[in-house]
Protein backbone atom coordinates (compact mmCIF):
# COMPACT_ATOMS: atom_id res chain seq x y z
CA UNK A 1 -78.82 -189.23 -49.32
CA UNK A 2 -79.83 -190.26 -52.80
CA UNK A 3 -83.35 -191.11 -51.48
CA UNK A 4 -83.82 -187.48 -50.28
CA UNK A 5 -82.71 -186.10 -53.68
CA UNK A 6 -84.98 -188.51 -55.49
CA UNK A 7 -87.90 -187.51 -53.25
CA UNK A 8 -87.13 -183.80 -53.81
CA UNK A 9 -87.01 -184.33 -57.61
CA UNK A 10 -90.30 -186.25 -57.62
CA UNK A 11 -91.95 -183.52 -55.49
CA UNK A 12 -90.63 -180.84 -57.87
CA UNK A 13 -92.04 -182.71 -60.89
CA UNK A 14 -95.41 -183.08 -59.16
CA UNK A 15 -95.69 -179.52 -57.78
CA UNK A 16 -94.33 -177.68 -60.85
CA UNK A 17 -97.39 -178.16 -63.02
CA UNK A 18 -99.60 -177.08 -60.12
CA UNK A 19 -97.51 -173.97 -59.64
CA UNK A 20 -97.48 -173.17 -63.38
CA UNK A 21 -101.30 -173.76 -63.44
CA UNK A 22 -101.67 -171.33 -60.49
CA UNK A 23 -99.69 -168.71 -62.35
CA UNK A 24 -101.73 -169.13 -65.45
CA UNK A 25 -104.86 -168.90 -63.42
CA UNK A 26 -103.69 -165.72 -61.60
CA UNK A 27 -102.55 -164.15 -64.90
CA UNK A 28 -106.11 -164.33 -66.16
CA UNK A 29 -107.44 -162.23 -63.32
CA UNK A 30 -105.98 -158.69 -64.02
CA UNK A 31 -107.32 -158.37 -67.58
CA UNK A 32 -110.74 -159.48 -66.35
CA UNK A 33 -110.58 -156.98 -63.45
CA UNK A 34 -109.56 -154.24 -65.86
CA UNK A 35 -112.54 -155.03 -68.14
CA UNK A 36 -114.87 -155.06 -65.16
CA UNK A 37 -113.50 -151.77 -63.86
CA UNK A 38 -113.86 -150.19 -67.30
CA UNK A 39 -117.50 -151.25 -67.40
CA UNK A 40 -118.18 -149.76 -64.00
CA UNK A 41 -116.27 -146.53 -64.80
CA UNK A 42 -118.27 -146.03 -67.99
CA UNK A 43 -121.57 -146.76 -66.21
CA UNK A 44 -122.17 -149.91 -68.19
CA UNK A 45 -123.60 -151.97 -65.27
CA UNK A 46 -125.30 -154.42 -67.50
CA UNK A 47 -121.90 -155.45 -68.91
CA UNK A 48 -120.41 -155.39 -65.46
CA UNK A 49 -123.20 -157.83 -64.41
CA UNK A 50 -121.73 -160.33 -66.86
CA UNK A 51 -118.65 -160.62 -64.65
CA UNK A 52 -120.76 -161.76 -61.63
CA UNK A 53 -120.77 -165.43 -60.61
CA UNK A 54 -123.78 -167.26 -62.07
CA UNK A 55 -124.54 -168.74 -58.61
CA UNK A 56 -124.70 -165.22 -57.11
CA UNK A 57 -126.87 -164.03 -60.03
CA UNK A 58 -129.23 -166.94 -59.45
CA UNK A 59 -129.58 -166.08 -55.75
CA UNK A 60 -129.74 -162.27 -56.27
CA UNK A 61 -131.29 -161.52 -59.69
CA UNK A 62 -131.28 -157.91 -60.83
CA UNK A 63 -134.57 -156.34 -61.88
CA UNK A 64 -134.88 -153.71 -64.65
CA UNK A 65 -135.63 -151.15 -61.86
CA UNK A 66 -132.37 -151.95 -60.09
CA UNK A 67 -130.42 -151.53 -63.32
CA UNK A 68 -132.31 -148.18 -63.85
CA UNK A 69 -131.08 -146.94 -60.48
CA UNK A 70 -127.49 -147.17 -61.75
CA UNK A 71 -128.43 -144.72 -64.51
CA UNK A 72 -128.91 -142.01 -61.76
CA UNK A 73 -125.19 -141.99 -60.98
CA UNK A 74 -121.92 -141.57 -62.76
CA UNK A 75 -118.65 -143.10 -61.64
CA UNK A 76 -115.97 -140.32 -61.69
CA UNK A 77 -113.22 -142.46 -60.12
CA UNK A 78 -112.34 -146.13 -59.59
CA UNK A 79 -109.14 -146.82 -57.69
CA UNK A 80 -107.64 -150.12 -56.54
CA UNK A 81 -106.45 -149.59 -52.96
CA UNK A 82 -105.19 -153.04 -52.13
CA UNK A 83 -105.35 -156.70 -53.17
CA UNK A 84 -105.09 -159.75 -51.00
CA UNK A 85 -105.61 -163.48 -51.21
CA UNK A 86 -108.19 -165.30 -49.12
CA UNK A 87 -107.69 -168.67 -47.45
CA UNK A 88 -110.24 -170.22 -49.77
CA UNK A 89 -108.32 -169.18 -52.91
CA UNK A 90 -110.40 -166.09 -53.58
CA UNK A 91 -108.79 -162.74 -54.35
CA UNK A 92 -110.08 -159.61 -52.70
CA UNK A 93 -109.63 -156.05 -53.83
CA UNK A 94 -110.47 -152.95 -51.88
CA UNK A 95 -111.80 -150.33 -54.26
CA UNK A 96 -112.40 -146.63 -53.82
CA UNK A 97 -115.28 -145.33 -55.98
CA UNK A 98 -116.14 -141.67 -56.57
CA UNK A 99 -119.85 -141.48 -57.31
CA UNK A 100 -121.72 -138.48 -58.73
CA UNK A 101 -125.44 -138.23 -58.32
CA UNK A 102 -126.62 -136.95 -61.76
CA UNK A 103 -129.63 -135.11 -60.29
CA UNK A 104 -127.84 -133.17 -57.58
CA UNK A 105 -124.32 -133.24 -59.09
CA UNK A 106 -123.01 -134.07 -55.61
CA UNK A 107 -119.92 -136.33 -55.56
CA UNK A 108 -119.03 -138.73 -52.73
CA UNK A 109 -116.36 -141.26 -52.11
CA UNK A 110 -117.12 -144.78 -51.04
CA UNK A 111 -115.33 -148.10 -50.55
CA UNK A 112 -116.26 -151.36 -52.20
CA UNK A 113 -114.79 -154.84 -51.81
CA UNK A 114 -114.53 -157.09 -54.76
CA UNK A 115 -114.06 -160.78 -54.21
CA UNK A 116 -113.11 -163.01 -57.18
CA UNK A 117 -113.12 -166.82 -57.29
CA UNK A 118 -111.60 -169.18 -59.83
CA UNK A 119 -114.03 -171.52 -61.55
CA UNK A 120 -112.05 -174.57 -62.66
CA UNK A 121 -114.86 -175.83 -64.94
CA UNK A 122 -115.29 -172.55 -66.84
CA UNK A 123 -111.57 -171.79 -66.49
CA UNK A 124 -112.31 -168.20 -65.55
CA UNK A 125 -112.63 -165.88 -62.59
CA UNK A 126 -116.02 -164.69 -61.29
CA UNK A 127 -116.96 -161.77 -59.08
CA UNK A 128 -118.84 -163.33 -56.13
CA UNK A 129 -120.12 -160.23 -54.40
CA UNK A 130 -122.35 -158.65 -57.05
CA UNK A 131 -122.25 -155.07 -58.27
CA UNK A 132 -121.29 -152.31 -55.85
CA UNK A 133 -124.04 -150.92 -53.71
CA UNK A 134 -123.67 -147.28 -54.57
CA UNK A 135 -126.45 -146.23 -52.21
CA UNK A 136 -125.32 -147.74 -48.85
CA UNK A 137 -121.67 -148.58 -49.46
CA UNK A 138 -119.27 -150.20 -47.04
């Protein structure tokens, strides 16, 4: 009986720091997501690009022309529809964007999926899917 209690106490001591670390890690995500959402809402896609995973940026570099395309639209709405955790530790958010074409003033609604991963070396979250594709959508 004492052996079981001892084992439970040891497990609690070992798992508690991991649980606390997980909470600290998760607590860093909402402010980062809010800052990213604000950059997108204000049409500051160059700032939003700074939230994208460096590995993704290396594989999918943005050209000046691609950034210029984002100047043709305005984001009139950015709504978090749902959040879920992936089996690989990533966090996914389904986002509804309202996009206005500045030339035609036509507004449309589209869906976008954000996927965030924790970088233990940098001690921060990165967006691993790049900027929203406002021209093809989901």
